[in-house]
Amino acid sequence: TMNEDTLVADIAAEVSESVVAVVGNYKG
């Protein structure tokens, strides 16, 4: 029985290792 909820959670956890927030000051 495929459990899509578990699959989505596992993929999100795996890919999140490679996802970053990008933050900075507006120029000036």
mmCIF file of all heavy atoms, coordinates in Angstrom:
data_MODEL
# 
_entry.id   MODEL 
# 
loop_
_atom_site.group_PDB 
_atom_site.id 
_atom_site.type_symbol 
_atom_site.label_atom_id 
_atom_site.label_alt_id 
_atom_site.label_comp_id 
_atom_site.label_asym_id 
_atom_site.label_entity_id 
_atom_site.label_seq_id 
_atom_site.pdbx_PDB_ins_code 
_atom_site.Cartn_x 
_atom_site.Cartn_y 
_atom_site.Cartn_z 
_atom_site.occupancy 
_atom_site.B_iso_or_equiv 
_atom_site.pdbx_formal_charge 
_atom_site.auth_seq_id 
_atom_site.auth_comp_id 
_atom_site.auth_asym_id 
_atom_site.auth_atom_id 
_atom_site.pdbx_PDB_model_num 
ATOM 1   N N   . THR A 1 1  ? 0.854  -1.190 0.000  1.00 0.00 ? 1  THR A N   1 
ATOM 2   C CA  . THR A 1 1  ? 0.000  0.000  0.000  1.00 0.00 ? 1  THR A CA  1 
ATOM 3   C C   . THR A 1 1  ? 0.883  1.231  0.000  1.00 0.00 ? 1  THR A C   1 
ATOM 4   O O   . THR A 1 1  ? 1.657  1.456  0.930  1.00 0.00 ? 1  THR A O   1 
ATOM 5   C CB  . THR A 1 1  ? -0.916 0.019  1.241  1.00 0.00 ? 1  THR A CB  1 
ATOM 6   O OG1 . THR A 1 1  ? -1.669 -1.199 1.292  1.00 0.00 ? 1  THR A OG1 1 
ATOM 7   C CG2 . THR A 1 1  ? -1.870 1.202  1.172  1.00 0.00 ? 1  THR A CG2 1 
ATOM 8   N N   . MET A 1 2  ? 0.771  2.019  -1.079 1.00 0.00 ? 2  MET A N   1 
ATOM 9   C CA  . MET A 1 2  ? 1.562  3.246  -1.154 1.00 0.00 ? 2  MET A CA  1 
ATOM 10  C C   . MET A 1 2  ? 0.967  4.301  -0.221 1.00 0.00 ? 2  MET A C   1 
ATOM 11  O O   . MET A 1 2  ? -0.234 4.546  -0.229 1.00 0.00 ? 2  MET A O   1 
ATOM 12  C CB  . MET A 1 2  ? 1.581  3.778  -2.584 1.00 0.00 ? 2  MET A CB  1 
ATOM 13  C CG  . MET A 1 2  ? 2.345  2.903  -3.569 1.00 0.00 ? 2  MET A CG  1 
ATOM 14  S SD  . MET A 1 2  ? 4.094  2.713  -3.150 1.00 0.00 ? 2  MET A SD  1 
ATOM 15  C CE  . MET A 1 2  ? 4.688  4.378  -3.374 1.00 0.00 ? 2  MET A CE  1 
ATOM 16  N N   . ASN A 1 3  ? 1.805  4.931  0.561  1.00 0.00 ? 3  ASN A N   1 
ATOM 17  C CA  . ASN A 1 3  ? 1.396  5.988  1.476  1.00 0.00 ? 3  ASN A CA  1 
ATOM 18  C C   . ASN A 1 3  ? 1.988  7.296  0.959  1.00 0.00 ? 3  ASN A C   1 
ATOM 19  O O   . ASN A 1 3  ? 3.156  7.597  1.184  1.00 0.00 ? 3  ASN A O   1 
ATOM 20  C CB  . ASN A 1 3  ? 1.896  5.690  2.896  1.00 0.00 ? 3  ASN A CB  1 
ATOM 21  C CG  . ASN A 1 3  ? 1.404  6.705  3.902  1.00 0.00 ? 3  ASN A CG  1 
ATOM 22  O OD1 . ASN A 1 3  ? 1.099  7.844  3.559  1.00 0.00 ? 3  ASN A OD1 1 
ATOM 23  N ND2 . ASN A 1 3  ? 1.314  6.287  5.158  1.00 0.00 ? 3  ASN A ND2 1 
ATOM 24  N N   . GLU A 1 4  ? 1.179  8.076  0.244  1.00 0.00 ? 4  GLU A N   1 
ATOM 25  C CA  . GLU A 1 4  ? 1.706  9.287  -0.384 1.00 0.00 ? 4  GLU A CA  1 
ATOM 26  C C   . GLU A 1 4  ? 2.151  10.305 0.652  1.00 0.00 ? 4  GLU A C   1 
ATOM 27  O O   . GLU A 1 4  ? 3.120  11.034 0.438  1.00 0.00 ? 4  GLU A O   1 
ATOM 28  C CB  . GLU A 1 4  ? 0.662  9.912  -1.318 1.00 0.00 ? 4  GLU A CB  1 
ATOM 29  C CG  . GLU A 1 4  ? 1.201  11.097 -2.087 1.00 0.00 ? 4  GLU A CG  1 
ATOM 30  C CD  . GLU A 1 4  ? 0.277  11.571 -3.184 1.00 0.00 ? 4  GLU A CD  1 
ATOM 31  O OE1 . GLU A 1 4  ? -0.489 10.753 -3.730 1.00 0.00 ? 4  GLU A OE1 1 
ATOM 32  O OE2 . GLU A 1 4  ? 0.314  12.772 -3.482 1.00 0.00 ? 4  GLU A OE2 1 
ATOM 33  N N   . ASP A 1 5  ? 1.477  10.352 1.788  1.00 0.00 ? 5  ASP A N   1 
ATOM 34  C CA  . ASP A 1 5  ? 1.872  11.307 2.821  1.00 0.00 ? 5  ASP A CA  1 
ATOM 35  C C   . ASP A 1 5  ? 3.307  11.054 3.276  1.00 0.00 ? 5  ASP A C   1 
ATOM 36  O O   . ASP A 1 5  ? 4.105  11.980 3.432  1.00 0.00 ? 5  ASP A O   1 
ATOM 37  C CB  . ASP A 1 5  ? 0.929  11.227 4.019  1.00 0.00 ? 5  ASP A CB  1 
ATOM 38  C CG  . ASP A 1 5  ? -0.418 11.878 3.735  1.00 0.00 ? 5  ASP A CG  1 
ATOM 39  O OD1 . ASP A 1 5  ? -0.504 12.647 2.763  1.00 0.00 ? 5  ASP A OD1 1 
ATOM 40  O OD2 . ASP A 1 5  ? -1.361 11.618 4.492  1.00 0.00 ? 5  ASP A OD2 1 
ATOM 41  N N   . THR A 1 6  ? 3.615  9.778  3.502  1.00 0.00 ? 6  THR A N   1 
ATOM 42  C CA  . THR A 1 6  ? 4.971  9.424  3.924  1.00 0.00 ? 6  THR A CA  1 
ATOM 43  C C   . THR A 1 6  ? 5.972  9.737  2.832  1.00 0.00 ? 6  THR A C   1 
ATOM 44  O O   . THR A 1 6  ? 7.069  10.254 3.091  1.00 0.00 ? 6  THR A O   1 
ATOM 45  C CB  . THR A 1 6  ? 5.038  7.932  4.292  1.00 0.00 ? 6  THR A CB  1 
ATOM 46  O OG1 . THR A 1 6  ? 4.122  7.673  5.352  1.00 0.00 ? 6  THR A OG1 1 
ATOM 47  C CG2 . THR A 1 6  ? 6.443  7.549  4.730  1.00 0.00 ? 6  THR A CG2 1 
ATOM 48  N N   . LEU A 1 7  ? 5.601  9.446  1.584  1.00 0.00 ? 7  LEU A N   1 
ATOM 49  C CA  . LEU A 1 7  ? 6.499  9.709  0.465  1.00 0.00 ? 7  LEU A CA  1 
ATOM 50  C C   . LEU A 1 7  ? 6.797  11.191 0.340  1.00 0.00 ? 7  LEU A C   1 
ATOM 51  O O   . LEU A 1 7  ? 7.956  11.604 0.184  1.00 0.00 ? 7  LEU A O   1 
ATOM 52  C CB  . LEU A 1 7  ? 5.882  9.170  -0.830 1.00 0.00 ? 7  LEU A CB  1 
ATOM 53  C CG  . LEU A 1 7  ? 6.696  9.388  -2.110 1.00 0.00 ? 7  LEU A CG  1 
ATOM 54  C CD1 . LEU A 1 7  ? 8.057  8.719  -1.999 1.00 0.00 ? 7  LEU A CD1 1 
ATOM 55  C CD2 . LEU A 1 7  ? 5.936  8.849  -3.317 1.00 0.00 ? 7  LEU A CD2 1 
ATOM 56  N N   . VAL A 1 8  ? 5.761  12.024 0.411  1.00 0.00 ? 8  VAL A N   1 
ATOM 57  C CA  . VAL A 1 8  ? 5.960  13.470 0.311  1.00 0.00 ? 8  VAL A CA  1 
ATOM 58  C C   . VAL A 1 8  ? 6.859  13.962 1.442  1.00 0.00 ? 8  VAL A C   1 
ATOM 59  O O   . VAL A 1 8  ? 7.767  14.773 1.225  1.00 0.00 ? 8  VAL A O   1 
ATOM 60  C CB  . VAL A 1 8  ? 4.610  14.209 0.316  1.00 0.00 ? 8  VAL A CB  1 
ATOM 61  C CG1 . VAL A 1 8  ? 4.815  15.713 0.503  1.00 0.00 ? 8  VAL A CG1 1 
ATOM 62  C CG2 . VAL A 1 8  ? 3.842  13.938 -0.968 1.00 0.00 ? 8  VAL A CG2 1 
ATOM 63  N N   . ALA A 1 9  ? 6.610  13.486 2.654  1.00 0.00 ? 9  ALA A N   1 
ATOM 64  C CA  . ALA A 1 9  ? 7.415  13.904 3.802  1.00 0.00 ? 9  ALA A CA  1 
ATOM 65  C C   . ALA A 1 9  ? 8.878  13.502 3.626  1.00 0.00 ? 9  ALA A C   1 
ATOM 66  O O   . ALA A 1 9  ? 9.792  14.286 3.922  1.00 0.00 ? 9  ALA A O   1 
ATOM 67  C CB  . ALA A 1 9  ? 6.851  13.300 5.088  1.00 0.00 ? 9  ALA A CB  1 
ATOM 68  N N   . ASP A 1 10 ? 9.104  12.294 3.116  1.00 0.00 ? 10 ASP A N   1 
ATOM 69  C CA  . ASP A 1 10 ? 10.476 11.818 2.914  1.00 0.00 ? 10 ASP A CA  1 
ATOM 70  C C   . ASP A 1 10 ? 11.179 12.643 1.839  1.00 0.00 ? 10 ASP A C   1 
ATOM 71  O O   . ASP A 1 10 ? 12.356 13.002 1.983  1.00 0.00 ? 10 ASP A O   1 
ATOM 72  C CB  . ASP A 1 10 ? 10.476 10.338 2.525  1.00 0.00 ? 10 ASP A CB  1 
ATOM 73  C CG  . ASP A 1 10 ? 10.097 9.429  3.678  1.00 0.00 ? 10 ASP A CG  1 
ATOM 74  O OD1 . ASP A 1 10 ? 10.114 9.902  4.834  1.00 0.00 ? 10 ASP A OD1 1 
ATOM 75  O OD2 . ASP A 1 10 ? 9.769  8.252  3.424  1.00 0.00 ? 10 ASP A OD2 1 
ATOM 76  N N   . ILE A 1 11 ? 10.468 12.936 0.744  1.00 0.00 ? 11 ILE A N   1 
ATOM 77  C CA  . ILE A 1 11 ? 11.068 13.735 -0.333 1.00 0.00 ? 11 ILE A CA  1 
ATOM 78  C C   . ILE A 1 11 ? 11.376 15.139 0.153  1.00 0.00 ? 11 ILE A C   1 
ATOM 79  O O   . ILE A 1 11 ? 12.450 15.688 -0.107 1.00 0.00 ? 11 ILE A O   1 
ATOM 80  C CB  . ILE A 1 11 ? 10.138 13.761 -1.563 1.00 0.00 ? 11 ILE A CB  1 
ATOM 81  C CG1 . ILE A 1 11 ? 10.101 12.383 -2.216 1.00 0.00 ? 11 ILE A CG1 1 
ATOM 82  C CG2 . ILE A 1 11 ? 10.596 14.807 -2.572 1.00 0.00 ? 11 ILE A CG2 1 
ATOM 83  C CD1 . ILE A 1 11 ? 9.069  12.260 -3.313 1.00 0.00 ? 11 ILE A CD1 1 
ATOM 84  N N   . ALA A 1 12 ? 10.442 15.736 0.882  1.00 0.00 ? 12 ALA A N   1 
ATOM 85  C CA  . ALA A 1 12 ? 10.656 17.083 1.398  1.00 0.00 ? 12 ALA A CA  1 
ATOM 86  C C   . ALA A 1 12 ? 11.876 17.131 2.316  1.00 0.00 ? 12 ALA A C   1 
ATOM 87  O O   . ALA A 1 12 ? 12.691 18.062 2.235  1.00 0.00 ? 12 ALA A O   1 
ATOM 88  C CB  . ALA A 1 12 ? 9.416  17.569 2.131  1.00 0.00 ? 12 ALA A CB  1 
ATOM 89  N N   . ALA A 1 13 ? 12.001 16.137 3.172  1.00 0.00 ? 13 ALA A N   1 
ATOM 90  C CA  . ALA A 1 13 ? 13.145 16.096 4.089  1.00 0.00 ? 13 ALA A CA  1 
ATOM 91  C C   . ALA A 1 13 ? 14.451 15.928 3.321  1.00 0.00 ? 13 ALA A C   1 
ATOM 92  O O   . ALA A 1 13 ? 15.467 16.571 3.638  1.00 0.00 ? 13 ALA A O   1 
ATOM 93  C CB  . ALA A 1 13 ? 12.969 14.960 5.092  1.00 0.00 ? 13 ALA A CB  1 
ATOM 94  N N   . GLU A 1 14 ? 14.417 15.085 2.300  1.00 0.00 ? 14 GLU A N   1 
ATOM 95  C CA  . GLU A 1 14 ? 15.624 14.816 1.513  1.00 0.00 ? 14 GLU A CA  1 
ATOM 96  C C   . GLU A 1 14 ? 16.065 16.051 0.727  1.00 0.00 ? 14 GLU A C   1 
ATOM 97  O O   . GLU A 1 14 ? 17.232 16.456 0.763  1.00 0.00 ? 14 GLU A O   1 
ATOM 98  C CB  . GLU A 1 14 ? 15.353 13.646 0.562  1.00 0.00 ? 14 GLU A CB  1 
ATOM 99  C CG  . GLU A 1 14 ? 16.541 13.199 -0.263 1.00 0.00 ? 14 GLU A CG  1 
ATOM 100 C CD  . GLU A 1 14 ? 17.499 12.301 0.497  1.00 0.00 ? 14 GLU A CD  1 
ATOM 101 O OE1 . GLU A 1 14 ? 17.143 11.841 1.609  1.00 0.00 ? 14 GLU A OE1 1 
ATOM 102 O OE2 . GLU A 1 14 ? 18.610 12.082 -0.006 1.00 0.00 ? 14 GLU A OE2 1 
ATOM 103 N N   . VAL A 1 15 ? 15.118 16.670 0.016  1.00 0.00 ? 15 VAL A N   1 
ATOM 104 C CA  . VAL A 1 15 ? 15.460 17.811 -0.841 1.00 0.00 ? 15 VAL A CA  1 
ATOM 105 C C   . VAL A 1 15 ? 15.794 19.040 -0.008 1.00 0.00 ? 15 VAL A C   1 
ATOM 106 O O   . VAL A 1 15 ? 16.626 19.862 -0.402 1.00 0.00 ? 15 VAL A O   1 
ATOM 107 C CB  . VAL A 1 15 ? 14.308 18.101 -1.827 1.00 0.00 ? 15 VAL A CB  1 
ATOM 108 C CG1 . VAL A 1 15 ? 14.614 19.338 -2.682 1.00 0.00 ? 15 VAL A CG1 1 
ATOM 109 C CG2 . VAL A 1 15 ? 14.070 16.903 -2.736 1.00 0.00 ? 15 VAL A CG2 1 
ATOM 110 N N   . SER A 1 16 ? 15.169 19.166 1.163  1.00 0.00 ? 16 SER A N   1 
ATOM 111 C CA  . SER A 1 16 ? 15.396 20.346 2.001  1.00 0.00 ? 16 SER A CA  1 
ATOM 112 C C   . SER A 1 16 ? 16.849 20.519 2.411  1.00 0.00 ? 16 SER A C   1 
ATOM 113 O O   . SER A 1 16 ? 17.285 21.626 2.742  1.00 0.00 ? 16 SER A O   1 
ATOM 114 C CB  . SER A 1 16 ? 14.511 20.297 3.252  1.00 0.00 ? 16 SER A CB  1 
ATOM 115 O OG  . SER A 1 16 ? 13.183 20.641 2.936  1.00 0.00 ? 16 SER A OG  1 
ATOM 116 N N   . GLU A 1 17 ? 17.621 19.433 2.395  1.00 0.00 ? 17 GLU A N   1 
ATOM 117 C CA  . GLU A 1 17 ? 19.046 19.546 2.685  1.00 0.00 ? 17 GLU A CA  1 
ATOM 118 C C   . GLU A 1 17 ? 19.752 20.437 1.666  1.00 0.00 ? 17 GLU A C   1 
ATOM 119 O O   . GLU A 1 17 ? 20.819 20.992 1.947  1.00 0.00 ? 17 GLU A O   1 
ATOM 120 C CB  . GLU A 1 17 ? 19.699 18.163 2.694  1.00 0.00 ? 17 GLU A CB  1 
ATOM 121 C CG  . GLU A 1 17 ? 19.181 17.227 3.767  1.00 0.00 ? 17 GLU A CG  1 
ATOM 122 C CD  . GLU A 1 17 ? 19.824 15.854 3.673  1.00 0.00 ? 17 GLU A CD  1 
ATOM 123 O OE1 . GLU A 1 17 ? 20.993 15.782 3.213  1.00 0.00 ? 17 GLU A OE1 1 
ATOM 124 O OE2 . GLU A 1 17 ? 19.182 14.860 4.044  1.00 0.00 ? 17 GLU A OE2 1 
ATOM 125 N N   . SER A 1 18 ? 19.144 20.571 0.471  1.00 0.00 ? 18 SER A N   1 
ATOM 126 C CA  . SER A 1 18 ? 19.761 21.344 -0.613 1.00 0.00 ? 18 SER A CA  1 
ATOM 127 C C   . SER A 1 18 ? 19.054 22.666 -0.870 1.00 0.00 ? 18 SER A C   1 
ATOM 128 O O   . SER A 1 18 ? 19.373 23.360 -1.831 1.00 0.00 ? 18 SER A O   1 
ATOM 129 C CB  . SER A 1 18 ? 19.756 20.508 -1.898 1.00 0.00 ? 18 SER A CB  1 
ATOM 130 O OG  . SER A 1 18 ? 20.339 19.246 -1.700 1.00 0.00 ? 18 SER A OG  1 
ATOM 131 N N   . VAL A 1 19 ? 18.085 23.023 -0.026 1.00 0.00 ? 19 VAL A N   1 
ATOM 132 C CA  . VAL A 1 19 ? 17.315 24.257 -0.207 1.00 0.00 ? 19 VAL A CA  1 
ATOM 133 C C   . VAL A 1 19 ? 17.738 25.271 0.853  1.00 0.00 ? 19 VAL A C   1 
ATOM 134 O O   . VAL A 1 19 ? 17.862 24.930 2.032  1.00 0.00 ? 19 VAL A O   1 
ATOM 135 C CB  . VAL A 1 19 ? 15.800 23.985 -0.111 1.00 0.00 ? 19 VAL A CB  1 
ATOM 136 C CG1 . VAL A 1 19 ? 15.000 25.277 -0.271 1.00 0.00 ? 19 VAL A CG1 1 
ATOM 137 C CG2 . VAL A 1 19 ? 15.375 22.971 -1.176 1.00 0.00 ? 19 VAL A CG2 1 
ATOM 138 N N   . VAL A 1 20 ? 17.938 26.513 0.423  1.00 0.00 ? 20 VAL A N   1 
ATOM 139 C CA  . VAL A 1 20 ? 18.395 27.551 1.358  1.00 0.00 ? 20 VAL A CA  1 
ATOM 140 C C   . VAL A 1 20 ? 17.505 28.781 1.266  1.00 0.00 ? 20 VAL A C   1 
ATOM 141 O O   . VAL A 1 20 ? 16.866 29.028 0.242  1.00 0.00 ? 20 VAL A O   1 
ATOM 142 C CB  . VAL A 1 20 ? 19.846 27.973 1.048  1.00 0.00 ? 20 VAL A CB  1 
ATOM 143 C CG1 . VAL A 1 20 ? 20.791 26.799 1.185  1.00 0.00 ? 20 VAL A CG1 1 
ATOM 144 C CG2 . VAL A 1 20 ? 19.966 28.602 -0.347 1.00 0.00 ? 20 VAL A CG2 1 
ATOM 145 N N   . ALA A 1 21 ? 17.457 29.531 2.344  1.00 0.00 ? 21 ALA A N   1 
ATOM 146 C CA  . ALA A 1 21 ? 16.900 30.882 2.301  1.00 0.00 ? 21 ALA A CA  1 
ATOM 147 C C   . ALA A 1 21 ? 18.004 31.825 1.853  1.00 0.00 ? 21 ALA A C   1 
ATOM 148 O O   . ALA A 1 21 ? 19.171 31.664 2.229  1.00 0.00 ? 21 ALA A O   1 
ATOM 149 C CB  . ALA A 1 21 ? 16.369 31.283 3.668  1.00 0.00 ? 21 ALA A CB  1 
ATOM 150 N N   . VAL A 1 22 ? 17.638 32.801 1.026  1.00 0.00 ? 22 VAL A N   1 
ATOM 151 C CA  . VAL A 1 22 ? 18.591 33.797 0.531  1.00 0.00 ? 22 VAL A CA  1 
ATOM 152 C C   . VAL A 1 22 ? 18.126 35.158 1.047  1.00 0.00 ? 22 VAL A C   1 
ATOM 153 O O   . VAL A 1 22 ? 17.006 35.586 0.756  1.00 0.00 ? 22 VAL A O   1 
ATOM 154 C CB  . VAL A 1 22 ? 18.649 33.807 -1.002 1.00 0.00 ? 22 VAL A CB  1 
ATOM 155 C CG1 . VAL A 1 22 ? 19.633 34.863 -1.491 1.00 0.00 ? 22 VAL A CG1 1 
ATOM 156 C CG2 . VAL A 1 22 ? 19.020 32.427 -1.545 1.00 0.00 ? 22 VAL A CG2 1 
ATOM 157 N N   . VAL A 1 23 ? 18.973 35.847 1.809  1.00 0.00 ? 23 VAL A N   1 
ATOM 158 C CA  . VAL A 1 23 ? 18.565 37.103 2.426  1.00 0.00 ? 23 VAL A CA  1 
ATOM 159 C C   . VAL A 1 23 ? 19.656 38.145 2.254  1.00 0.00 ? 23 VAL A C   1 
ATOM 160 O O   . VAL A 1 23 ? 20.854 37.819 2.190  1.00 0.00 ? 23 VAL A O   1 
ATOM 161 C CB  . VAL A 1 23 ? 18.231 36.903 3.930  1.00 0.00 ? 23 VAL A CB  1 
ATOM 162 C CG1 . VAL A 1 23 ? 19.442 36.406 4.686  1.00 0.00 ? 23 VAL A CG1 1 
ATOM 163 C CG2 . VAL A 1 23 ? 17.677 38.177 4.559  1.00 0.00 ? 23 VAL A CG2 1 
ATOM 164 N N   . GLY A 1 24 ? 19.260 39.403 2.127  1.00 0.00 ? 24 GLY A N   1 
ATOM 165 C CA  . GLY A 1 24 ? 20.240 40.475 1.997  1.00 0.00 ? 24 GLY A CA  1 
ATOM 166 C C   . GLY A 1 24 ? 19.591 41.828 2.215  1.00 0.00 ? 24 GLY A C   1 
ATOM 167 O O   . GLY A 1 24 ? 18.377 41.941 2.394  1.00 0.00 ? 24 GLY A O   1 
ATOM 168 N N   . ASN A 1 25 ? 20.417 42.868 2.213  1.00 0.00 ? 25 ASN A N   1 
ATOM 169 C CA  . ASN A 1 25 ? 19.927 44.238 2.341  1.00 0.00 ? 25 ASN A CA  1 
ATOM 170 C C   . ASN A 1 25 ? 19.582 44.791 0.975  1.00 0.00 ? 25 ASN A C   1 
ATOM 171 O O   . ASN A 1 25 ? 20.289 44.549 -0.004 1.00 0.00 ? 25 ASN A O   1 
ATOM 172 C CB  . ASN A 1 25 ? 21.007 45.145 2.938  1.00 0.00 ? 25 ASN A CB  1 
ATOM 173 C CG  . ASN A 1 25 ? 21.441 44.719 4.315  1.00 0.00 ? 25 ASN A CG  1 
ATOM 174 O OD1 . ASN A 1 25 ? 22.616 44.471 4.528  1.00 0.00 ? 25 ASN A OD1 1 
ATOM 175 N ND2 . ASN A 1 25 ? 20.508 44.631 5.244  1.00 0.00 ? 25 ASN A ND2 1 
ATOM 176 N N   . TYR A 1 26 ? 18.508 45.553 0.914  1.00 0.00 ? 26 TYR A N   1 
ATOM 177 C CA  . TYR A 1 26 ? 18.281 46.329 -0.297 1.00 0.00 ? 26 TYR A CA  1 
ATOM 178 C C   . TYR A 1 26 ? 19.464 47.259 -0.519 1.00 0.00 ? 26 TYR A C   1 
ATOM 179 O O   . TYR A 1 26 ? 19.992 47.833 0.437  1.00 0.00 ? 26 TYR A O   1 
ATOM 180 C CB  . TYR A 1 26 ? 16.993 47.152 -0.185 1.00 0.00 ? 26 TYR A CB  1 
ATOM 181 C CG  . TYR A 1 26 ? 15.733 46.333 -0.318 1.00 0.00 ? 26 TYR A CG  1 
ATOM 182 C CD1 . TYR A 1 26 ? 14.858 46.198 0.757  1.00 0.00 ? 26 TYR A CD1 1 
ATOM 183 C CD2 . TYR A 1 26 ? 15.426 45.711 -1.515 1.00 0.00 ? 26 TYR A CD2 1 
ATOM 184 C CE1 . TYR A 1 26 ? 13.704 45.442 0.639  1.00 0.00 ? 26 TYR A CE1 1 
ATOM 185 C CE2 . TYR A 1 26 ? 14.270 44.958 -1.649 1.00 0.00 ? 26 TYR A CE2 1 
ATOM 186 C CZ  . TYR A 1 26 ? 13.413 44.829 -0.574 1.00 0.00 ? 26 TYR A CZ  1 
ATOM 187 O OH  . TYR A 1 26 ? 12.277 44.081 -0.705 1.00 0.00 ? 26 TYR A OH  1 
ATOM 188 N N   . LYS A 1 27 ? 19.898 47.369 -1.765 1.00 0.00 ? 27 LYS A N   1 
ATOM 189 C CA  . LYS A 1 27 ? 21.049 48.214 -2.066 1.00 0.00 ? 27 LYS A CA  1 
ATOM 190 C C   . LYS A 1 27 ? 20.772 49.648 -1.627 1.00 0.00 ? 27 LYS A C   1 
ATOM 191 O O   . LYS A 1 27 ? 19.706 50.194 -1.869 1.00 0.00 ? 27 LYS A O   1 
ATOM 192 C CB  . LYS A 1 27 ? 21.363 48.163 -3.551 1.00 0.00 ? 27 LYS A CB  1 
ATOM 193 C CG  . LYS A 1 27 ? 21.921 46.804 -3.986 1.00 0.00 ? 27 LYS A CG  1 
ATOM 194 C CD  . LYS A 1 27 ? 22.213 46.754 -5.463 1.00 0.00 ? 27 LYS A CD  1 
ATOM 195 C CE  . LYS A 1 27 ? 22.770 45.382 -5.834 1.00 0.00 ? 27 LYS A CE  1 
ATOM 196 N NZ  . LYS A 1 27 ? 23.027 45.259 -7.297 1.00 0.00 ? 27 LYS A NZ  1 
ATOM 197 N N   . GLY A 1 28 ? 21.758 50.215 -0.948 1.00 0.00 ? 28 GLY A N   1 
ATOM 198 C CA  . GLY A 1 28 ? 21.592 51.565 -0.433 1.00 0.00 ? 28 GLY A CA  1 
ATOM 199 C C   . GLY A 1 28 ? 21.192 51.600 1.018  1.00 0.00 ? 28 GLY A C   1 
ATOM 200 O O   . GLY A 1 28 ? 21.244 52.643 1.669  1.00 0.00 ? 28 GLY A O   1 
# 
